Amino acid sequence: MAVIVDQEKCTGCGTCEEGCPVEAIKVEDKKAVVDAETCVDCGTCIEECPEKAISEGT
């Protein structure tokens, strides 16, 4: 599973960054950016995002 951030929906609130157990998400220029190499596909960011801007990719 790849995690995809919809940059149009992302407000850069940082909820995903705070919730990520492996620190794979950073907010840069007010948008969430996922480090795919660090991400362990746990889905926490998908559940935590209040804007529903994060989803499973293919």
Protein backbone atom coordinates (compact mmCIF):
# COMPACT_ATOMS: atom_id res chain seq x y z
CA MET A 1 0.00 0.00 0.00
CA ALA A 2 1.29 3.41 -0.90
CA VAL A 3 -0.05 6.38 1.02
CA ILE A 4 -1.22 9.28 -1.13
CA VAL A 5 -1.79 12.85 0.07
CA ASP A 6 -4.33 14.89 -1.88
CA GLN A 7 -2.57 18.25 -1.89
CA GLU A 8 -5.82 20.02 -2.77
CA LYS A 9 -7.50 18.78 0.43
CA CYS A 10 -4.48 18.95 2.75
CA THR A 11 -4.49 22.01 5.01
CA GLY A 12 -1.13 21.30 6.64
CA CYS A 13 -2.68 20.96 10.09
CA GLY A 14 -0.03 18.45 11.21
CA THR A 15 -2.39 15.88 12.71
CA CYS A 16 -0.95 13.14 10.50
CA GLU A 17 2.61 14.17 11.36
CA GLU A 18 1.87 14.04 15.08
CA GLY A 19 0.09 10.69 14.81
CA CYS A 20 2.60 8.84 12.64
CA PRO A 21 4.36 6.24 14.83
CA VAL A 22 7.45 6.10 12.59
CA GLU A 23 7.70 9.83 11.75
CA ALA A 24 7.22 9.17 8.02
CA ILE A 25 5.17 12.32 7.45
CA LYS A 26 6.43 15.87 7.60
CA VAL A 27 4.52 19.06 6.90
CA GLU A 28 6.49 21.16 4.43
CA ASP A 29 5.18 24.40 2.95
CA LYS A 30 1.85 23.75 4.71
CA LYS A 31 1.35 20.36 3.01
CA ALA A 32 1.92 16.81 4.25
CA VAL A 33 4.73 14.90 2.57
CA VAL A 34 5.14 11.14 3.06
CA ASP A 35 8.57 9.49 3.09
CA ALA A 36 7.68 6.22 1.35
CA GLU A 37 10.86 4.51 2.53
CA THR A 38 10.06 5.19 6.19
CA CYS A 39 6.30 4.55 5.98
CA VAL A 40 5.22 1.15 7.34
CA ASP A 41 1.70 1.31 5.86
CA CYS A 42 -0.03 1.24 9.22
CA GLY A 43 -2.86 3.54 8.09
CA THR A 44 -2.78 5.76 11.18
CA CYS A 45 -2.47 8.91 9.07
CA ILE A 46 -5.49 7.91 6.98
CA GLU A 47 -7.60 7.52 10.12
CA GLU A 48 -6.27 10.69 11.77
CA CYS A 49 -6.63 13.15 8.89
CA PRO A 50 -9.59 15.46 9.62
CA GLU A 51 -9.74 16.59 5.97
CA LYS A 52 -9.69 13.02 4.57
CA ALA A 53 -6.76 14.13 2.42
CA ILE A 54 -4.79 10.90 2.87
CA SER A 55 -5.72 7.64 1.25
CA GLU A 56 -4.32 4.29 0.16
CA GLY A 57 -2.74 4.38 -3.24
CA THR A 58 -2.07 1.47 -5.53
